[in-house]
Amino acid sequence: MSQVILRQFEKAYVSEAMRIWNEVVEEGVAFPQLDLLDEPEALEFFREQTYTGLAIKESTDQVLGLYILHPNNTGRCGHIANASFAVRSESRGLHIGEKLVTDCLEKAKENGFRLMQFNAVVDRNIHARHLYKRLGFQEVGMIPGGFLMKDGHYENIHVMYKEL
């Protein structure tokens, strides 16, 4: 595979980023959102985040994955970041997610966040959970039946954090 570069979201990539985001939403096993984004919504959504990062295949300028970074809360808890990651299905297993998470942690620190918290890491998302632990995240606990799967059953979710 050619080199993967990480860069900030730009309007020129909105269609590809939207397709990847919507693919994860449609799968119904990781993101809490139910509704798909159209292009105007996607442009606004990606721009309103503290930072939206893209993983780009340098040789083709194709978006392989993305993340959104934003505060987990406000006020006295505004120093805690939250993020979501999406990788194009054809690019999974190529360590794109690790590149995205590593870049996100750096951007979170650059943007003044002191902690990163993931509120709902779905139990069956074993690869993400292993990656987060390898990158130094601690598990706070598990919420039984905290995530409604696309097929209608409830799956446990894990709350994880990392000091930046």
C-alpha atoms as a PDB file:
ATOM      1  CA  MET A   1       0.000   0.000   0.000  1.00  0.00           C
ATOM      2  CA  SER A   2       1.234   3.477  -0.748  1.00  0.00           C
ATOM      3  CA  GLN A   3       1.873   5.911   2.062  1.00  0.00           C
ATOM      4  CA  VAL A   4      -1.013   7.100   4.202  1.00  0.00           C
ATOM      5  CA  ILE A   5      -0.961  10.744   5.196  1.00  0.00           C
ATOM      6  CA  LEU A   6      -3.070  12.394   7.858  1.00  0.00           C
ATOM      7  CA  ARG A   7      -4.523  15.821   7.288  1.00  0.00           C
ATOM      8  CA  GLN A   8      -7.301  18.098   8.422  1.00  0.00           C
ATOM      9  CA  PHE A   9     -10.707  17.768   6.785  1.00  0.00           C
ATOM     10  CA  GLU A  10     -11.283  19.924   3.721  1.00  0.00           C
ATOM     11  CA  LYS A  11     -14.501  20.495   1.805  1.00  0.00           C
ATOM     12  CA  ALA A  12     -13.079  18.689  -1.249  1.00  0.00           C
ATOM     13  CA  TYR A  13     -13.262  15.415   0.714  1.00  0.00           C
ATOM     14  CA  VAL A  14     -16.804  15.775   2.042  1.00  0.00           C
ATOM     15  CA  SER A  15     -18.359  13.143  -0.272  1.00  0.00           C
ATOM     16  CA  GLU A  16     -15.820  10.456   0.575  1.00  0.00           C
ATOM     17  CA  ALA A  17     -15.823  11.269   4.293  1.00  0.00           C
ATOM     18  CA  MET A  18     -19.631  11.220   4.326  1.00  0.00           C
ATOM     19  CA  ARG A  19     -19.726   7.809   2.610  1.00  0.00           C
ATOM     20  CA  ILE A  20     -17.324   6.317   5.159  1.00  0.00           C
ATOM     21  CA  TRP A  21     -19.226   7.846   8.091  1.00  0.00           C
ATOM     22  CA  ASN A  22     -22.577   6.656   6.727  1.00  0.00           C
ATOM     23  CA  GLU A  23     -21.186   3.178   6.100  1.00  0.00           C
ATOM     24  CA  VAL A  24     -20.412   2.823   9.817  1.00  0.00           C
ATOM     25  CA  VAL A  25     -23.807   4.273  10.800  1.00  0.00           C
ATOM     26  CA  GLU A  26     -25.562   1.817   8.437  1.00  0.00           C
ATOM     27  CA  GLU A  27     -23.642  -1.145   9.877  1.00  0.00           C
ATOM     28  CA  GLY A  28     -25.298  -0.301  13.196  1.00  0.00           C
ATOM     29  CA  VAL A  29     -22.647  -1.839  15.424  1.00  0.00           C
ATOM     30  CA  ALA A  30     -20.433   1.069  16.526  1.00  0.00           C
ATOM     31  CA  PHE A  31     -21.882   4.597  16.224  1.00  0.00           C
ATOM     32  CA  PRO A  32     -24.917   5.724  18.231  1.00  0.00           C
ATOM     33  CA  GLN A  33     -26.346   7.720  15.320  1.00  0.00           C
ATOM     34  CA  LEU A  34     -29.358   6.333  13.468  1.00  0.00           C
ATOM     35  CA  ASP A  35     -29.611   8.877  10.653  1.00  0.00           C
ATOM     36  CA  LEU A  36     -27.358   9.107   7.631  1.00  0.00           C
ATOM     37  CA  LEU A  37     -25.810  12.421   6.655  1.00  0.00           C
ATOM     38  CA  ASP A  38     -26.388  14.120   3.323  1.00  0.00           C
ATOM     39  CA  GLU A  39     -23.621  16.314   1.896  1.00  0.00           C
ATOM     40  CA  PRO A  40     -24.727  19.655   3.390  1.00  0.00           C
ATOM     41  CA  GLU A  41     -25.205  18.025   6.811  1.00  0.00           C
ATOM     42  CA  ALA A  42     -21.863  16.220   6.513  1.00  0.00           C
ATOM     43  CA  LEU A  43     -20.021  19.421   5.622  1.00  0.00           C
ATOM     44  CA  GLU A  44     -21.499  21.218   8.625  1.00  0.00           C
ATOM     45  CA  PHE A  45     -20.950  18.215  10.920  1.00  0.00           C
ATOM     46  CA  PHE A  46     -17.276  17.747  10.019  1.00  0.00           C
ATOM     47  CA  ARG A  47     -16.569  21.488  10.188  1.00  0.00           C
ATOM     48  CA  GLU A  48     -18.224  22.000  13.592  1.00  0.00           C
ATOM     49  CA  GLN A  49     -15.934  19.537  15.361  1.00  0.00           C
ATOM     50  CA  THR A  50     -12.878  20.739  17.256  1.00  0.00           C
ATOM     51  CA  TYR A  51     -10.907  18.833  14.626  1.00  0.00           C
ATOM     52  CA  THR A  52     -11.789  16.370  11.881  1.00  0.00           C
ATOM     53  CA  GLY A  53      -8.864  14.316  10.660  1.00  0.00           C
ATOM     54  CA  LEU A  54      -8.581  12.309   7.446  1.00  0.00           C
ATOM     55  CA  ALA A  55      -6.352   9.387   6.509  1.00  0.00           C
ATOM     56  CA  ILE A  56      -5.534   9.807   2.809  1.00  0.00           C
ATOM     57  CA  LYS A  57      -3.875   7.282   0.507  1.00  0.00           C
ATOM     58  CA  GLU A  58      -1.204   9.521  -0.978  1.00  0.00           C
ATOM     59  CA  SER A  59      -0.972   7.849  -4.397  1.00  0.00           C
ATOM     60  CA  THR A  60      -4.689   8.145  -5.164  1.00  0.00           C
ATOM     61  CA  ASP A  61      -5.816  10.952  -2.825  1.00  0.00           C
ATOM     62  CA  GLN A  62      -8.537   8.571  -1.592  1.00  0.00           C
ATOM     63  CA  VAL A  63      -9.943   8.930   1.926  1.00  0.00           C
ATOM     64  CA  LEU A  64      -9.368   5.681   3.836  1.00  0.00           C
ATOM     65  CA  GLY A  65     -10.698   6.813   7.192  1.00  0.00           C
ATOM     66  CA  LEU A  66     -11.522   9.748   9.416  1.00  0.00           C
ATOM     67  CA  TYR A  67     -12.085  10.865  12.960  1.00  0.00           C
ATOM     68  CA  ILE A  68     -13.952  13.612  14.711  1.00  0.00           C
ATOM     69  CA  LEU A  69     -12.585  15.217  17.878  1.00  0.00           C
ATOM     70  CA  HIS A  70     -14.717  17.332  20.193  1.00  0.00           C
ATOM     71  CA  PRO A  71     -15.325  18.020  23.898  1.00  0.00           C
ATOM     72  CA  ASN A  72     -16.971  15.205  25.813  1.00  0.00           C
ATOM     73  CA  ASN A  73     -18.725  17.762  28.006  1.00  0.00           C
ATOM     74  CA  THR A  74     -18.719  21.480  28.832  1.00  0.00           C
ATOM     75  CA  GLY A  75     -17.631  23.808  31.593  1.00  0.00           C
ATOM     76  CA  ARG A  76     -15.707  22.138  34.391  1.00  0.00           C
ATOM     77  CA  CYS A  77     -15.490  18.950  32.304  1.00  0.00           C
ATOM     78  CA  GLY A  78     -14.604  20.724  29.057  1.00  0.00           C
ATOM     79  CA  HIS A  79     -10.987  19.542  29.309  1.00  0.00           C
ATOM     80  CA  ILE A  80     -12.105  15.993  28.469  1.00  0.00           C
ATOM     81  CA  ALA A  81     -12.164  15.114  24.779  1.00  0.00           C
ATOM     82  CA  ASN A  82     -14.220  12.538  22.944  1.00  0.00           C
ATOM     83  CA  ALA A  83     -13.715  11.134  19.466  1.00  0.00           C
ATOM     84  CA  SER A  84     -15.206   8.775  16.904  1.00  0.00           C
ATOM     85  CA  PHE A  85     -13.298   6.852  14.249  1.00  0.00           C
ATOM     86  CA  ALA A  86     -14.428   5.418  10.911  1.00  0.00           C
ATOM     87  CA  VAL A  87     -12.418   3.372   8.429  1.00  0.00           C
ATOM     88  CA  ARG A  88     -13.569   2.500   4.914  1.00  0.00           C
ATOM     89  CA  SER A  89     -14.559  -1.181   4.978  1.00  0.00           C
ATOM     90  CA  GLU A  90     -12.082  -2.053   2.205  1.00  0.00           C
ATOM     91  CA  SER A  91      -9.252  -0.535   4.267  1.00  0.00           C
ATOM     92  CA  ARG A  92      -9.915  -2.276   7.571  1.00  0.00           C
ATOM     93  CA  GLY A  93      -7.086  -4.425   8.890  1.00  0.00           C
ATOM     94  CA  LEU A  94      -4.415  -2.111   7.414  1.00  0.00           C
ATOM     95  CA  HIS A  95      -3.733  -0.233  10.697  1.00  0.00           C
ATOM     96  CA  ILE A  96      -5.531   2.899   9.470  1.00  0.00           C
ATOM     97  CA  GLY A  97      -7.443   3.017  12.757  1.00  0.00           C
ATOM     98  CA  GLU A  98      -4.212   3.090  14.751  1.00  0.00           C
ATOM     99  CA  LYS A  99      -2.918   5.998  12.653  1.00  0.00           C
ATOM    100  CA  LEU A 100      -6.193   7.855  13.182  1.00  0.00           C
ATOM    101  CA  VAL A 101      -6.271   7.290  16.960  1.00  0.00           C
ATOM    102  CA  THR A 102      -2.606   8.279  17.376  1.00  0.00           C
ATOM    103  CA  ASP A 103      -3.124  11.470  15.357  1.00  0.00           C
ATOM    104  CA  CYS A 104      -6.317  12.236  17.280  1.00  0.00           C
ATOM    105  CA  LEU A 105      -4.538  11.966  20.625  1.00  0.00           C
ATOM    106  CA  GLU A 106      -1.900  14.445  19.402  1.00  0.00           C
ATOM    107  CA  LYS A 107      -4.560  16.865  18.102  1.00  0.00           C
ATOM    108  CA  ALA A 108      -6.501  16.590  21.357  1.00  0.00           C
ATOM    109  CA  LYS A 109      -3.410  17.577  23.321  1.00  0.00           C
ATOM    110  CA  GLU A 110      -2.671  20.434  20.881  1.00  0.00           C
ATOM    111  CA  ASN A 111      -6.230  21.681  21.391  1.00  0.00           C
ATOM    112  CA  GLY A 112      -5.822  21.858  25.171  1.00  0.00           C
ATOM    113  CA  PHE A 113      -7.607  18.684  26.213  1.00  0.00           C
ATOM    114  CA  ARG A 114      -6.165  16.838  29.220  1.00  0.00           C
ATOM    115  CA  LEU A 115      -8.050  13.534  28.884  1.00  0.00           C
ATOM    116  CA  MET A 116      -9.680  11.457  26.166  1.00  0.00           C
ATOM    117  CA  GLN A 117     -12.816   9.550  27.115  1.00  0.00           C
ATOM    118  CA  PHE A 118     -14.742   7.036  25.061  1.00  0.00           C
ATOM    119  CA  ASN A 119     -18.266   6.681  26.411  1.00  0.00           C
ATOM    120  CA  ALA A 120     -19.480   3.687  24.458  1.00  0.00           C
ATOM    121  CA  VAL A 121     -16.977   1.198  23.047  1.00  0.00           C
ATOM    122  CA  VAL A 122     -19.209  -1.678  21.964  1.00  0.00           C
ATOM    123  CA  ASP A 123     -18.231  -5.003  23.544  1.00  0.00           C
ATOM    124  CA  ARG A 124     -17.921  -6.873  20.247  1.00  0.00           C
ATOM    125  CA  ASN A 125     -15.610  -4.185  18.828  1.00  0.00           C
ATOM    126  CA  ILE A 126     -12.668  -6.266  20.043  1.00  0.00           C
ATOM    127  CA  HIS A 127     -10.109  -4.762  17.650  1.00  0.00           C
ATOM    128  CA  ALA A 128     -10.841  -1.217  18.848  1.00  0.00           C
ATOM    129  CA  ARG A 129     -10.776  -2.255  22.498  1.00  0.00           C
ATOM    130  CA  HIS A 130      -7.387  -3.978  22.057  1.00  0.00           C
ATOM    131  CA  LEU A 131      -6.000  -0.984  20.166  1.00  0.00           C
ATOM    132  CA  TYR A 132      -7.151   1.470  22.825  1.00  0.00           C
ATOM    133  CA  LYS A 133      -5.645  -0.627  25.612  1.00  0.00           C
ATOM    134  CA  ARG A 134      -2.370  -0.956  23.685  1.00  0.00           C
ATOM    135  CA  LEU A 135      -2.294   2.850  23.341  1.00  0.00           C
ATOM    136  CA  GLY A 136      -2.678   3.280  27.102  1.00  0.00           C
ATOM    137  CA  PHE A 137      -6.425   3.630  27.629  1.00  0.00           C
ATOM    138  CA  GLN A 138      -7.841   2.401  30.908  1.00  0.00           C
ATOM    139  CA  GLU A 139     -11.253   0.804  31.188  1.00  0.00           C
ATOM    140  CA  VAL A 140     -13.454   2.499  33.785  1.00  0.00           C
ATOM    141  CA  GLY A 141     -16.276   0.010  33.572  1.00  0.00           C
ATOM    142  CA  MET A 142     -18.904  -1.695  31.511  1.00  0.00           C
ATOM    143  CA  ILE A 143     -22.539  -0.717  31.004  1.00  0.00           C
ATOM    144  CA  PRO A 144     -24.703  -3.816  30.474  1.00  0.00           C
ATOM    145  CA  GLY A 145     -26.950  -3.527  27.445  1.00  0.00           C
ATOM    146  CA  GLY A 146     -25.892   0.064  26.776  1.00  0.00           C
ATOM    147  CA  PHE A 147     -25.912  -0.099  22.977  1.00  0.00           C
ATOM    148  CA  LEU A 148     -28.838  -0.951  20.733  1.00  0.00           C
ATOM    149  CA  MET A 149     -27.498  -3.039  17.849  1.00  0.00           C
ATOM    150  CA  LYS A 150     -28.975  -2.784  14.364  1.00  0.00           C
ATOM    151  CA  ASP A 151     -30.586  -6.212  14.730  1.00  0.00           C
ATOM    152  CA  GLY A 152     -32.475  -5.038  17.847  1.00  0.00           C
ATOM    153  CA  HIS A 153     -30.512  -6.712  20.634  1.00  0.00           C
ATOM    154  CA  TYR A 154     -28.571  -4.812  23.271  1.00  0.00           C
ATOM    155  CA  GLU A 155     -24.808  -5.099  23.597  1.00  0.00           C
ATOM    156  CA  ASN A 156     -22.582  -4.126  26.525  1.00  0.00           C
ATOM    157  CA  ILE A 157     -20.457  -0.991  26.181  1.00  0.00           C
ATOM    158  CA  HIS A 158     -17.150  -0.069  27.809  1.00  0.00           C
ATOM    159  CA  VAL A 159     -16.166   3.353  29.111  1.00  0.00           C
ATOM    160  CA  MET A 160     -12.474   4.054  28.564  1.00  0.00           C
ATOM    161  CA  TYR A 161     -10.128   6.985  29.139  1.00  0.00           C
ATOM    162  CA  LYS A 162      -6.544   8.093  28.689  1.00  0.00           C
ATOM    163  CA  GLU A 163      -4.632  10.977  30.233  1.00  0.00           C
ATOM    164  CA  LEU A 164      -3.025  13.111  27.572  1.00  0.00           C
END
